[in-house]
Amino acid sequence: MNRIFNEIRTILHDKFSFHYDQIQAETEFELELGTDSREMLELLSEFEQAFEIQISQDDIDKIIKEGKILTIQDVVDYIKEKKSL
């Protein structure tokens, strides 16, 4: 597993009390973890700090309102993209 995925798992476990066995690449935030928009905003803030990235308001709107990020793998891909810019 890659470093980004492992860090996301740690954040979800430590900050939001999800069990490690619940957190797989294909795990869906809303359907399987039950995250709502408020929790997703908290997660995005945690990801910004952990990975030293900036998430624009446009991206936040797409993620929260349009469901752009559905799975853990979507987050991994998004962070990889932001880190490569």
C-alpha atoms as a PDB file:
ATOM      1  CA  MET A   1       0.000   0.000   0.000  1.00  0.00           C
ATOM      2  CA  ASN A   2       1.228   3.476  -0.653  1.00  0.00           C
ATOM      3  CA  ARG A   3       2.072   6.198   1.827  1.00  0.00           C
ATOM      4  CA  ILE A   4      -0.942   8.386   0.975  1.00  0.00           C
ATOM      5  CA  PHE A   5      -3.393   5.530   1.487  1.00  0.00           C
ATOM      6  CA  ASN A   6      -1.778   4.571   4.792  1.00  0.00           C
ATOM      7  CA  GLU A   7      -1.890   8.164   6.042  1.00  0.00           C
ATOM      8  CA  ILE A   8      -5.576   8.451   5.080  1.00  0.00           C
ATOM      9  CA  ARG A   9      -6.301   5.225   6.970  1.00  0.00           C
ATOM     10  CA  THR A  10      -4.512   6.607  10.019  1.00  0.00           C
ATOM     11  CA  ILE A  11      -6.467   9.876   9.878  1.00  0.00           C
ATOM     12  CA  LEU A  12      -9.774   8.044   9.526  1.00  0.00           C
ATOM     13  CA  HIS A  13      -8.883   5.727  12.383  1.00  0.00           C
ATOM     14  CA  ASP A  14      -7.364   8.255  14.807  1.00  0.00           C
ATOM     15  CA  LYS A  15      -9.619  11.245  14.226  1.00  0.00           C
ATOM     16  CA  PHE A  16     -12.902   9.581  13.285  1.00  0.00           C
ATOM     17  CA  SER A  17     -12.688   6.187  15.046  1.00  0.00           C
ATOM     18  CA  PHE A  18     -13.134   4.053  11.948  1.00  0.00           C
ATOM     19  CA  HIS A  19     -11.684   0.559  12.257  1.00  0.00           C
ATOM     20  CA  TYR A  20      -8.798  -0.234   9.943  1.00  0.00           C
ATOM     21  CA  ASP A  21     -10.709  -3.160   8.430  1.00  0.00           C
ATOM     22  CA  GLN A  22     -13.431  -0.705   7.310  1.00  0.00           C
ATOM     23  CA  ILE A  23     -10.928   1.364   5.336  1.00  0.00           C
ATOM     24  CA  GLN A  24     -10.046  -0.109   1.955  1.00  0.00           C
ATOM     25  CA  ALA A  25      -9.329   1.631  -1.351  1.00  0.00           C
ATOM     26  CA  GLU A  26     -12.852   0.938  -2.616  1.00  0.00           C
ATOM     27  CA  THR A  27     -14.571   2.041   0.630  1.00  0.00           C
ATOM     28  CA  GLU A  28     -17.200   4.707  -0.053  1.00  0.00           C
ATOM     29  CA  PHE A  29     -17.299   7.655   2.319  1.00  0.00           C
ATOM     30  CA  GLU A  30     -21.040   8.233   2.418  1.00  0.00           C
ATOM     31  CA  LEU A  31     -22.424   4.743   1.904  1.00  0.00           C
ATOM     32  CA  GLU A  32     -19.960   2.677   3.915  1.00  0.00           C
ATOM     33  CA  LEU A  33     -18.476   5.124   6.419  1.00  0.00           C
ATOM     34  CA  GLY A  34     -21.613   7.235   6.799  1.00  0.00           C
ATOM     35  CA  THR A  35     -19.820  10.567   6.455  1.00  0.00           C
ATOM     36  CA  ASP A  36     -22.032  13.589   5.969  1.00  0.00           C
ATOM     37  CA  SER A  37     -21.036  16.940   4.450  1.00  0.00           C
ATOM     38  CA  ARG A  38     -19.823  18.352   7.787  1.00  0.00           C
ATOM     39  CA  GLU A  39     -17.599  15.351   8.399  1.00  0.00           C
ATOM     40  CA  MET A  40     -16.300  15.515   4.842  1.00  0.00           C
ATOM     41  CA  LEU A  41     -15.297  19.150   5.400  1.00  0.00           C
ATOM     42  CA  GLU A  42     -13.426  18.084   8.539  1.00  0.00           C
ATOM     43  CA  LEU A  43     -11.715  15.319   6.593  1.00  0.00           C
ATOM     44  CA  LEU A  44     -10.690  17.691   3.822  1.00  0.00           C
ATOM     45  CA  SER A  45      -9.143  19.995   6.414  1.00  0.00           C
ATOM     46  CA  GLU A  46      -7.250  17.048   7.911  1.00  0.00           C
ATOM     47  CA  PHE A  47      -6.028  16.037   4.450  1.00  0.00           C
ATOM     48  CA  GLU A  48      -4.845  19.582   3.726  1.00  0.00           C
ATOM     49  CA  GLN A  49      -2.748  19.594   6.877  1.00  0.00           C
ATOM     50  CA  ALA A  50      -1.438  16.045   6.596  1.00  0.00           C
ATOM     51  CA  PHE A  51      -0.403  16.303   2.956  1.00  0.00           C
ATOM     52  CA  GLU A  52       0.426  20.029   2.865  1.00  0.00           C
ATOM     53  CA  ILE A  53      -1.965  20.767   0.023  1.00  0.00           C
ATOM     54  CA  GLN A  54      -4.530  23.483  -0.635  1.00  0.00           C
ATOM     55  CA  ILE A  55      -8.043  22.446  -1.591  1.00  0.00           C
ATOM     56  CA  SER A  56      -9.807  25.231  -3.471  1.00  0.00           C
ATOM     57  CA  GLN A  57     -13.367  26.265  -2.701  1.00  0.00           C
ATOM     58  CA  ASP A  58     -14.369  25.071  -6.182  1.00  0.00           C
ATOM     59  CA  ASP A  59     -12.962  21.622  -5.415  1.00  0.00           C
ATOM     60  CA  ILE A  60     -14.687  21.584  -2.025  1.00  0.00           C
ATOM     61  CA  ASP A  61     -17.996  22.387  -3.726  1.00  0.00           C
ATOM     62  CA  LYS A  62     -17.464  19.589  -6.264  1.00  0.00           C
ATOM     63  CA  ILE A  63     -16.493  17.122  -3.548  1.00  0.00           C
ATOM     64  CA  ILE A  64     -19.320  17.987  -1.149  1.00  0.00           C
ATOM     65  CA  LYS A  65     -22.194  18.965  -3.441  1.00  0.00           C
ATOM     66  CA  GLU A  66     -21.489  16.936  -6.557  1.00  0.00           C
ATOM     67  CA  GLY A  67     -20.046  13.857  -4.877  1.00  0.00           C
ATOM     68  CA  LYS A  68     -16.827  14.045  -6.877  1.00  0.00           C
ATOM     69  CA  ILE A  69     -14.981  12.014  -4.245  1.00  0.00           C
ATOM     70  CA  LEU A  70     -16.804   8.831  -3.419  1.00  0.00           C
ATOM     71  CA  THR A  71     -14.100   6.369  -2.349  1.00  0.00           C
ATOM     72  CA  ILE A  72     -10.812   6.311  -0.468  1.00  0.00           C
ATOM     73  CA  GLN A  73      -9.085   5.708  -3.811  1.00  0.00           C
ATOM     74  CA  ASP A  74     -10.662   8.916  -5.159  1.00  0.00           C
ATOM     75  CA  VAL A  75      -8.996  10.799  -2.288  1.00  0.00           C
ATOM     76  CA  VAL A  76      -5.653   9.094  -2.940  1.00  0.00           C
ATOM     77  CA  ASP A  77      -5.861  10.055  -6.634  1.00  0.00           C
ATOM     78  CA  TYR A  78      -6.874  13.630  -5.799  1.00  0.00           C
ATOM     79  CA  ILE A  79      -3.988  14.082  -3.358  1.00  0.00           C
ATOM     80  CA  LYS A  80      -1.500  12.601  -5.830  1.00  0.00           C
ATOM     81  CA  GLU A  81      -2.752  15.066  -8.431  1.00  0.00           C
ATOM     82  CA  LYS A  82      -2.459  18.027  -6.025  1.00  0.00           C
ATOM     83  CA  LYS A  83       1.039  16.981  -4.933  1.00  0.00           C
ATOM     84  CA  SER A  84       2.245  16.788  -8.547  1.00  0.00           C
ATOM     85  CA  LEU A  85       1.188  20.353  -9.378  1.00  0.00           C
END
